[in-house]
Amino acid sequence: MYTAATANRSRVNRANSYVVNSVLETTPEKLIMKVYDFAIAKCKSRDLEKTNSALNELIFALNYDTDEVREISLGLLKLYKFCQDQMRKRNYGVVEKILSDLREAWLDVLKQQGKL
């Protein structure tokens, strides 16, 4: 029997498939932007756990392959750790500002490189 619950599950499954496909088919640069968007949104809603999870994803994405990249990554690592500390202290505005500024910087660089 086809019920409202069955229809709802079908819509959820299609939505989940869409999300999974959009993540699998996107570039690493666009994924970073999505993580920033998620982190900023969760910070705005004062969700400590999810903001810190997003910050952890940004930390895991850092690259230390060359000296030049390593220096940038170490600076970002310090900022991300600072943001996690500020989230624990409930300084949401500070974290939102830092993440928003970093997102804008990434966006500018990616546009200049033609990756967005």
C-alpha atoms as a PDB file:
ATOM      1  CA  MET A   1       0.000   0.000   0.000  1.00  0.00           C
ATOM      2  CA  TYR A   2       1.297   3.446  -0.955  1.00  0.00           C
ATOM      3  CA  THR A   3       0.978   5.757   2.035  1.00  0.00           C
ATOM      4  CA  ALA A   4       2.114   9.254   2.925  1.00  0.00           C
ATOM      5  CA  ALA A   5       5.003   7.697   4.843  1.00  0.00           C
ATOM      6  CA  THR A   6       6.085   5.763   1.745  1.00  0.00           C
ATOM      7  CA  ALA A   7       5.908   8.931  -0.366  1.00  0.00           C
ATOM      8  CA  ASN A   8       7.933  10.805   2.226  1.00  0.00           C
ATOM      9  CA  ARG A   9      10.632   8.076   2.313  1.00  0.00           C
ATOM     10  CA  SER A  10      10.787   8.197  -1.468  1.00  0.00           C
ATOM     11  CA  ARG A  11      11.328  11.975  -1.425  1.00  0.00           C
ATOM     12  CA  VAL A  12      13.999  11.629   1.276  1.00  0.00           C
ATOM     13  CA  ASN A  13      15.794   8.902  -0.689  1.00  0.00           C
ATOM     14  CA  ARG A  14      15.791  11.072  -3.838  1.00  0.00           C
ATOM     15  CA  ALA A  15      17.047  14.054  -1.833  1.00  0.00           C
ATOM     16  CA  ASN A  16      19.792  11.945  -0.242  1.00  0.00           C
ATOM     17  CA  SER A  17      20.808  10.621  -3.664  1.00  0.00           C
ATOM     18  CA  TYR A  18      20.982  14.171  -4.971  1.00  0.00           C
ATOM     19  CA  VAL A  19      23.199  15.285  -2.071  1.00  0.00           C
ATOM     20  CA  VAL A  20      25.479  12.262  -2.379  1.00  0.00           C
ATOM     21  CA  ASN A  21      25.829  12.743  -6.145  1.00  0.00           C
ATOM     22  CA  SER A  22      26.484  16.469  -5.824  1.00  0.00           C
ATOM     23  CA  VAL A  23      29.280  15.806  -3.321  1.00  0.00           C
ATOM     24  CA  LEU A  24      30.822  12.972  -5.334  1.00  0.00           C
ATOM     25  CA  GLU A  25      30.755  14.947  -8.573  1.00  0.00           C
ATOM     26  CA  THR A  26      32.122  18.246  -7.267  1.00  0.00           C
ATOM     27  CA  THR A  27      35.693  19.516  -7.178  1.00  0.00           C
ATOM     28  CA  PRO A  28      37.789  19.619  -3.993  1.00  0.00           C
ATOM     29  CA  GLU A  29      37.693  23.421  -4.181  1.00  0.00           C
ATOM     30  CA  LYS A  30      33.895  23.477  -4.224  1.00  0.00           C
ATOM     31  CA  LEU A  31      33.803  20.994  -1.342  1.00  0.00           C
ATOM     32  CA  ILE A  32      35.952  23.330   0.742  1.00  0.00           C
ATOM     33  CA  MET A  33      33.500  26.139   0.018  1.00  0.00           C
ATOM     34  CA  LYS A  34      30.613  23.887   1.082  1.00  0.00           C
ATOM     35  CA  VAL A  35      32.393  23.083   4.351  1.00  0.00           C
ATOM     36  CA  TYR A  36      32.921  26.795   4.998  1.00  0.00           C
ATOM     37  CA  ASP A  37      29.236  27.459   4.263  1.00  0.00           C
ATOM     38  CA  PHE A  38      28.224  24.675   6.641  1.00  0.00           C
ATOM     39  CA  ALA A  39      30.606  25.872   9.382  1.00  0.00           C
ATOM     40  CA  ILE A  40      29.359  29.457   9.105  1.00  0.00           C
ATOM     41  CA  ALA A  41      25.702  28.385   9.164  1.00  0.00           C
ATOM     42  CA  LYS A  42      26.238  26.167  12.205  1.00  0.00           C
ATOM     43  CA  CYS A  43      28.197  28.899  13.955  1.00  0.00           C
ATOM     44  CA  LYS A  44      25.321  31.323  13.337  1.00  0.00           C
ATOM     45  CA  SER A  45      22.928  28.804  14.880  1.00  0.00           C
ATOM     46  CA  ARG A  46      25.380  28.368  17.780  1.00  0.00           C
ATOM     47  CA  ASP A  47      25.810  24.663  17.167  1.00  0.00           C
ATOM     48  CA  LEU A  48      29.149  23.967  18.856  1.00  0.00           C
ATOM     49  CA  GLU A  49      29.388  20.312  17.877  1.00  0.00           C
ATOM     50  CA  LYS A  50      28.665  20.735  14.169  1.00  0.00           C
ATOM     51  CA  THR A  51      30.820  23.870  13.842  1.00  0.00           C
ATOM     52  CA  ASN A  52      33.743  22.019  15.408  1.00  0.00           C
ATOM     53  CA  SER A  53      33.117  19.034  13.132  1.00  0.00           C
ATOM     54  CA  ALA A  54      33.322  21.336  10.114  1.00  0.00           C
ATOM     55  CA  LEU A  55      36.496  22.898  11.484  1.00  0.00           C
ATOM     56  CA  ASN A  56      37.949  19.400  11.878  1.00  0.00           C
ATOM     57  CA  GLU A  57      37.173  18.699   8.219  1.00  0.00           C
ATOM     58  CA  LEU A  58      38.982  21.891   7.243  1.00  0.00           C
ATOM     59  CA  ILE A  59      41.937  20.821   9.390  1.00  0.00           C
ATOM     60  CA  PHE A  60      42.014  17.361   7.771  1.00  0.00           C
ATOM     61  CA  ALA A  61      41.980  19.001   4.318  1.00  0.00           C
ATOM     62  CA  LEU A  62      45.177  20.965   4.958  1.00  0.00           C
ATOM     63  CA  ASN A  63      48.123  20.158   2.717  1.00  0.00           C
ATOM     64  CA  TYR A  64      51.736  20.035   3.911  1.00  0.00           C
ATOM     65  CA  ASP A  65      53.415  18.783   0.716  1.00  0.00           C
ATOM     66  CA  THR A  66      55.709  21.733  -0.056  1.00  0.00           C
ATOM     67  CA  ASP A  67      57.387  24.401   2.087  1.00  0.00           C
ATOM     68  CA  GLU A  68      55.207  27.165   0.636  1.00  0.00           C
ATOM     69  CA  VAL A  69      51.973  25.252   1.167  1.00  0.00           C
ATOM     70  CA  ARG A  70      53.104  24.006   4.585  1.00  0.00           C
ATOM     71  CA  GLU A  71      53.527  27.584   5.823  1.00  0.00           C
ATOM     72  CA  ILE A  72      50.019  28.544   4.696  1.00  0.00           C
ATOM     73  CA  SER A  73      48.546  25.351   6.145  1.00  0.00           C
ATOM     74  CA  LEU A  74      50.201  25.924   9.513  1.00  0.00           C
ATOM     75  CA  GLY A  75      48.699  29.425   9.626  1.00  0.00           C
ATOM     76  CA  LEU A  76      45.263  28.064   8.769  1.00  0.00           C
ATOM     77  CA  LEU A  77      45.669  25.312  11.368  1.00  0.00           C
ATOM     78  CA  LYS A  78      46.300  27.938  14.039  1.00  0.00           C
ATOM     79  CA  LEU A  79      43.217  29.890  12.931  1.00  0.00           C
ATOM     80  CA  TYR A  80      41.019  26.781  12.897  1.00  0.00           C
ATOM     81  CA  LYS A  81      42.242  25.743  16.368  1.00  0.00           C
ATOM     82  CA  PHE A  82      41.640  29.292  17.600  1.00  0.00           C
ATOM     83  CA  CYS A  83      38.097  29.099  16.201  1.00  0.00           C
ATOM     84  CA  GLN A  84      37.497  25.808  18.002  1.00  0.00           C
ATOM     85  CA  ASP A  85      38.715  27.376  21.239  1.00  0.00           C
ATOM     86  CA  GLN A  86      36.494  30.421  20.711  1.00  0.00           C
ATOM     87  CA  MET A  87      33.488  28.172  20.039  1.00  0.00           C
ATOM     88  CA  ARG A  88      34.064  26.451  23.385  1.00  0.00           C
ATOM     89  CA  LYS A  89      34.100  29.922  24.960  1.00  0.00           C
ATOM     90  CA  ARG A  90      30.837  30.751  23.147  1.00  0.00           C
ATOM     91  CA  ASN A  91      32.430  33.614  21.171  1.00  0.00           C
ATOM     92  CA  TYR A  92      30.294  32.916  18.134  1.00  0.00           C
ATOM     93  CA  GLY A  93      30.720  36.331  16.550  1.00  0.00           C
ATOM     94  CA  VAL A  94      34.517  36.001  16.497  1.00  0.00           C
ATOM     95  CA  VAL A  95      34.332  32.578  14.859  1.00  0.00           C
ATOM     96  CA  GLU A  96      31.717  33.662  12.320  1.00  0.00           C
ATOM     97  CA  LYS A  97      33.842  36.673  11.323  1.00  0.00           C
ATOM     98  CA  ILE A  98      37.019  34.598  10.893  1.00  0.00           C
ATOM     99  CA  LEU A  99      35.270  31.867   8.909  1.00  0.00           C
ATOM    100  CA  SER A 100      33.440  34.390   6.731  1.00  0.00           C
ATOM    101  CA  ASP A 101      36.672  36.262   5.987  1.00  0.00           C
ATOM    102  CA  LEU A 102      38.498  33.012   5.179  1.00  0.00           C
ATOM    103  CA  ARG A 103      35.649  31.907   2.924  1.00  0.00           C
ATOM    104  CA  GLU A 104      35.789  35.187   1.027  1.00  0.00           C
ATOM    105  CA  ALA A 105      39.567  34.883   0.642  1.00  0.00           C
ATOM    106  CA  TRP A 106      39.202  31.332  -0.714  1.00  0.00           C
ATOM    107  CA  LEU A 107      36.454  32.484  -3.051  1.00  0.00           C
ATOM    108  CA  ASP A 108      38.631  35.278  -4.444  1.00  0.00           C
ATOM    109  CA  VAL A 109      41.588  32.962  -5.029  1.00  0.00           C
ATOM    110  CA  LEU A 110      39.475  30.248  -6.642  1.00  0.00           C
ATOM    111  CA  LYS A 111      37.804  32.767  -8.943  1.00  0.00           C
ATOM    112  CA  GLN A 112      41.201  34.151  -9.956  1.00  0.00           C
ATOM    113  CA  GLN A 113      42.346  30.618 -10.761  1.00  0.00           C
ATOM    114  CA  GLY A 114      39.150  29.908 -12.711  1.00  0.00           C
ATOM    115  CA  LYS A 115      38.206  27.019 -10.419  1.00  0.00           C
ATOM    116  CA  LEU A 116      34.726  28.279  -9.595  1.00  0.00           C
END
